[in-house]
């Protein structure tokens, strides 16, 4: 168990900082700044799902040992809780990304750099939502004493991500790096949920509902990036956020 966890913990930091390393050696330090600032903002959102998964790990472990039928119910509840927390947060970040970056970096920040950072922030925010969800199946797999599955996924994922990242950065710049980061997390999420479904023996119907809900949530988050007028942004959130609250 400890060996597989060690493998994951060695690969994960390499994967996390690989995009910034490639940007620094292929583009410029200015581009690296434009990318690193929104990444640092987004990384703070991981505190919430990490805290929830830390609580769910012993709960999953106890359920596997004493009441296996409770695992699926705990998984669903934890997943819904993460969605309820991260969806409004990521939606607000995507919608007000230009305003956030201009306020955060100040007026001296170059206009074109600020625009690039806003786009990067929007793409990364969608990826952060997917990342937050992945903490729950990760905790479930570890509680089921299957850290080998996640470690093997990380081993297979790293070289593919490095290749895709290099190609997209050369073709699309900072947006390509953000798309590579978010795309990797989306692919990992699909695999992690499939693994968790097999371990927890969850019914297929529930899995399909979850996937449809996650896809709808990502589309809702992405919709905020297409609104440029500030008043329309406010109106959009005034309509969507109460709906999400009622749904939550």
Protein backbone atom coordinates (compact mmCIF):
# COMPACT_ATOMS: atom_id res chain seq x y z
CA UNK A 1 0.00 0.00 0.00
CA UNK A 2 2.70 2.46 0.99
CA UNK A 3 4.74 1.66 -2.11
CA UNK A 4 1.93 2.51 -4.51
CA UNK A 5 1.11 5.69 -2.56
CA UNK A 6 4.79 6.69 -2.82
CA UNK A 7 4.73 6.21 -6.58
CA UNK A 8 1.68 8.47 -6.88
CA UNK A 9 3.24 11.07 -4.61
CA UNK A 10 6.41 11.12 -6.71
CA UNK A 11 4.63 11.47 -10.05
CA UNK A 12 1.94 13.96 -8.99
CA UNK A 13 4.30 16.93 -8.32
CA UNK A 14 6.01 16.33 -11.67
CA UNK A 15 2.65 16.39 -13.41
CA UNK A 16 1.47 19.46 -11.51
CA UNK A 17 4.49 21.61 -12.42
CA UNK A 18 5.21 20.18 -15.87
CA UNK A 19 3.07 22.76 -17.68
CA UNK A 20 4.86 25.70 -16.08
CA UNK A 21 8.24 24.13 -16.79
CA UNK A 22 7.44 23.67 -20.49
CA UNK A 23 6.00 27.19 -20.77
CA UNK A 24 9.15 28.64 -19.21
CA UNK A 25 11.51 26.92 -21.67
CA UNK A 26 9.39 27.29 -24.82
CA UNK A 27 7.66 30.68 -24.50
CA UNK A 28 8.84 33.41 -22.13
CA UNK A 29 8.89 34.44 -18.49
CA UNK A 30 6.10 36.92 -19.21
CA UNK A 31 3.98 34.08 -20.53
CA UNK A 32 4.88 32.03 -17.48
CA UNK A 33 3.62 34.84 -15.24
CA UNK A 34 0.41 35.10 -17.23
CA UNK A 35 -0.15 31.38 -16.71
CA UNK A 36 1.11 30.94 -13.15
CA UNK A 37 -1.09 33.63 -11.59
CA UNK A 38 -4.45 32.07 -12.63
CA UNK A 39 -3.07 28.62 -11.79
CA UNK A 40 -2.22 29.78 -8.26
CA UNK A 41 -5.72 31.25 -7.90
CA UNK A 42 -7.36 28.04 -9.06
CA UNK A 43 -5.16 25.79 -6.92
CA UNK A 44 -6.71 27.28 -3.77
CA UNK A 45 -10.07 25.75 -4.70
CA UNK A 46 -8.58 22.28 -4.10
CA UNK A 47 -8.65 22.93 -0.34
CA UNK A 48 -12.37 22.16 -0.16
CA UNK A 49 -12.50 18.77 -1.94
CA UNK A 50 -9.24 17.75 -0.25
CA UNK A 51 -10.82 18.39 3.15
CA UNK A 52 -13.93 16.42 2.23
CA UNK A 53 -11.94 13.48 0.84
CA UNK A 54 -9.85 13.44 4.01
CA UNK A 55 -13.02 12.89 6.00
CA UNK A 56 -14.47 10.38 3.52
CA UNK A 57 -11.40 8.13 3.48
CA UNK A 58 -11.93 6.72 7.01
CA UNK A 59 -15.69 6.66 6.41
CA UNK A 60 -15.22 4.59 3.26
CA UNK A 61 -12.74 2.33 5.05
CA UNK A 62 -15.16 1.66 7.90
CA UNK A 63 -18.00 0.99 5.46
CA UNK A 64 -15.96 -1.48 3.44
CA UNK A 65 -15.13 -3.36 6.66
CA UNK A 66 -18.55 -3.38 8.34
CA UNK A 67 -21.32 -2.22 5.96
CA UNK A 68 -20.31 -2.52 2.28
CA UNK A 69 -23.81 -1.60 1.16
CA UNK A 70 -23.26 1.90 2.59
CA UNK A 71 -20.27 2.67 0.34
CA UNK A 72 -22.34 3.71 -2.66
CA UNK A 73 -24.55 5.97 -0.57
CA UNK A 74 -21.56 7.67 1.04
CA UNK A 75 -19.95 8.10 -2.37
CA UNK A 76 -23.07 9.77 -3.79
CA UNK A 77 -23.42 12.11 -0.81
CA UNK A 78 -19.78 13.19 -0.91
CA UNK A 79 -19.92 13.75 -4.65
CA UNK A 80 -23.05 15.89 -4.39
CA UNK A 81 -21.46 17.92 -1.61
CA UNK A 82 -18.38 18.69 -3.72
CA UNK A 83 -20.57 19.64 -6.68
CA UNK A 84 -22.71 21.92 -4.50
CA UNK A 85 -19.60 23.73 -3.24
CA UNK A 86 -17.46 23.94 -6.37
CA UNK A 87 -20.08 24.57 -9.07
CA UNK A 88 -21.11 28.08 -7.91
CA UNK A 89 -17.49 28.97 -7.12
CA UNK A 90 -16.15 27.91 -10.53
CA UNK A 91 -19.11 29.50 -12.30
CA UNK A 92 -18.40 32.89 -10.68
CA UNK A 93 -14.67 32.62 -11.49
CA UNK A 94 -15.31 31.80 -15.16
CA UNK A 95 -17.92 34.53 -15.56
CA UNK A 96 -15.83 37.29 -13.95
CA UNK A 97 -12.39 36.05 -15.05
CA UNK A 98 -11.46 39.28 -16.91
CA UNK A 99 -12.47 41.44 -13.95
CA UNK A 100 -10.67 39.14 -11.51
CA UNK A 101 -7.41 39.22 -13.44
CA UNK A 102 -7.43 42.97 -14.05
CA UNK A 103 -8.15 43.61 -10.36
CA UNK A 104 -5.65 41.04 -9.13
CA UNK A 105 -2.76 42.10 -11.39
CA UNK A 106 -3.46 45.81 -11.46
CA UNK A 107 -3.61 48.36 -14.27
CA UNK A 108 0.11 48.07 -15.07
CA UNK A 109 -0.39 44.50 -16.21
CA UNK A 110 -0.21 44.48 -20.02
CA UNK A 111 -3.60 44.33 -21.74
CA UNK A 112 -2.79 41.38 -24.00
CA UNK A 113 -1.24 39.47 -21.08
CA UNK A 114 -4.31 40.16 -18.96
CA UNK A 115 -6.53 38.86 -21.75
CA UNK A 116 -4.46 35.68 -22.02
CA UNK A 117 -4.61 35.20 -18.26
CA UNK A 118 -8.39 35.61 -18.30
CA UNK A 119 -8.77 32.89 -20.91
CA UNK A 120 -6.39 30.63 -19.01
CA UNK A 121 -8.31 31.25 -15.77
CA UNK A 122 -11.60 30.31 -17.42
CA UNK A 123 -10.22 27.05 -18.82
CA UNK A 124 -8.48 26.16 -15.57
CA UNK A 125 -11.62 26.86 -13.55
CA UNK A 126 -13.54 24.27 -15.57
CA UNK A 127 -10.67 21.85 -15.00
CA UNK A 128 -10.66 22.66 -11.28
CA UNK A 129 -14.30 21.63 -11.03
CA UNK A 130 -13.46 18.26 -12.58
CA UNK A 131 -10.42 17.93 -10.33
CA UNK A 132 -12.49 18.54 -7.22
CA UNK A 133 -14.78 15.66 -8.14
CA UNK A 134 -11.86 13.27 -8.67
CA UNK A 135 -10.84 13.53 -5.00
CA UNK A 136 -13.86 11.41 -4.00
CA UNK A 137 -13.24 8.32 -6.19
CA UNK A 138 -9.56 8.64 -5.28
CA UNK A 139 -10.43 8.38 -1.58
CA UNK A 140 -12.73 5.46 -2.33
CA UNK A 141 -10.05 3.51 -4.18
CA UNK A 142 -7.54 4.07 -1.39
CA UNK A 143 -10.10 3.01 1.21
CA UNK A 144 -10.74 -0.15 -0.81
CA UNK A 145 -7.01 -0.91 -0.54
CA UNK A 146 -6.46 -0.34 -4.27
CA UNK A 147 -3.90 2.47 -4.47
CA UNK A 148 -2.22 0.45 -7.21
CA UNK A 149 -5.00 1.45 -9.61
CA UNK A 150 -4.40 5.17 -9.16
CA UNK A 151 -0.61 4.77 -9.25
CA UNK A 152 -0.80 2.83 -12.53
CA UNK A 153 -3.10 5.50 -13.91
CA UNK A 154 -0.56 8.19 -13.01
CA UNK A 155 2.27 6.17 -14.56
CA UNK A 156 0.38 5.79 -17.81
CA UNK A 157 -0.92 9.34 -17.79
CA UNK A 158 2.33 11.25 -17.32
CA UNK A 159 4.09 10.53 -20.66
CA UNK A 160 0.88 11.03 -22.65
CA UNK A 161 0.23 14.32 -20.90
CA UNK A 162 3.79 15.49 -21.54
CA UNK A 163 3.45 14.83 -25.29
CA UNK A 164 0.02 16.49 -25.58
CA UNK A 165 1.17 19.44 -23.47
CA UNK A 166 4.22 20.05 -25.66
CA UNK A 167 2.14 19.94 -28.86
CA UNK A 168 -0.66 22.19 -27.61
CA UNK A 169 1.71 24.80 -26.16
CA UNK A 170 3.56 25.05 -29.47
CA UNK A 171 0.30 25.38 -31.42
CA UNK A 172 -1.97 27.39 -29.11
CA UNK A 173 0.30 28.94 -26.47
CA UNK A 174 -1.04 29.44 -22.97
CA UNK A 175 -4.57 28.39 -23.90
CA UNK A 176 -3.12 25.12 -25.20
CA UNK A 177 -1.40 24.52 -21.87
CA UNK A 178 -4.66 25.18 -20.00
CA UNK A 179 -6.60 22.88 -22.33
CA UNK A 180 -3.99 20.13 -21.87
CA UNK A 181 -4.21 20.48 -18.08
CA UNK A 182 -8.02 20.43 -18.00
CA UNK A 183 -8.25 17.69 -20.62
CA UNK A 184 -5.91 15.46 -18.67
CA UNK A 185 -8.02 15.88 -15.55
CA UNK A 186 -11.21 15.13 -17.47
CA UNK A 187 -9.72 11.93 -18.88
CA UNK A 188 -8.42 10.92 -15.45
CA UNK A 189 -11.82 11.62 -13.93
CA UNK A 190 -13.57 9.28 -16.37
CA UNK A 191 -11.13 6.47 -15.56
CA UNK A 192 -11.28 7.08 -11.80
CA UNK A 193 -15.06 6.98 -11.78
CA UNK A 194 -15.03 3.75 -13.78
CA UNK A 195 -12.59 2.22 -11.28
CA UNK A 196 -14.63 3.44 -8.32
CA UNK A 197 -17.83 2.04 -9.83
CA UNK A 198 -16.26 -1.41 -10.09
CA UNK A 199 -14.83 -1.30 -6.58
CA UNK A 200 -18.05 -0.07 -4.98
CA UNK A 201 -20.28 -2.19 -7.25
CA UNK A 202 -22.43 0.84 -7.97
CA UNK A 203 -25.43 0.41 -10.29
CA UNK A 204 -24.91 1.55 -13.88
CA UNK A 205 -27.97 3.77 -13.84
CA UNK A 206 -26.60 5.86 -10.99
CA UNK A 207 -23.30 6.20 -12.80
CA UNK A 208 -25.00 7.46 -15.94
CA UNK A 209 -26.94 10.04 -13.93
CA UNK A 210 -23.72 11.24 -12.32
CA UNK A 211 -21.92 11.55 -15.65
CA UNK A 212 -24.86 13.45 -17.16
CA UNK A 213 -24.99 15.79 -14.14
CA UNK A 214 -21.24 16.46 -14.32
CA UNK A 215 -21.43 17.14 -18.07
CA UNK A 216 -24.33 19.56 -17.53
CA UNK A 217 -22.40 21.30 -14.74
CA UNK A 218 -19.33 21.76 -16.97
CA UNK A 219 -21.53 23.21 -19.73
CA UNK A 220 -23.09 25.60 -17.21
CA UNK A 221 -19.63 26.73 -16.10
CA UNK A 222 -18.45 27.18 -19.68
CA UNK A 223 -21.52 29.30 -20.53
CA UNK A 224 -20.24 32.12 -18.35
CA UNK A 225 -17.16 32.56 -20.54
CA UNK A 226 -19.25 33.63 -23.55
CA UNK A 227 -20.72 36.71 -21.83
CA UNK A 228 -18.64 39.86 -22.22
CA UNK A 229 -20.92 42.61 -20.92
CA UNK A 230 -20.63 43.17 -17.17
CA UNK A 231 -24.36 43.77 -16.66
CA UNK A 232 -25.21 40.59 -18.55
CA UNK A 233 -22.71 38.71 -16.39
CA UNK A 234 -24.47 39.92 -13.24
CA UNK A 235 -27.89 39.10 -14.67
CA UNK A 236 -26.68 35.64 -15.71
CA UNK A 237 -25.45 34.84 -12.22
CA UNK A 238 -28.59 36.29 -10.61
CA UNK A 239 -30.61 33.76 -12.60
CA UNK A 240 -28.33 30.72 -12.44
CA UNK A 241 -27.07 30.86 -8.85
CA UNK A 242 -30.57 30.72 -7.24
CA UNK A 243 -31.40 27.79 -9.55
CA UNK A 244 -28.25 25.99 -8.43
CA UNK A 245 -29.07 26.76 -4.80
CA UNK A 246 -32.55 25.29 -5.17
CA UNK A 247 -31.15 22.25 -6.97
CA UNK A 248 -28.51 21.82 -4.26
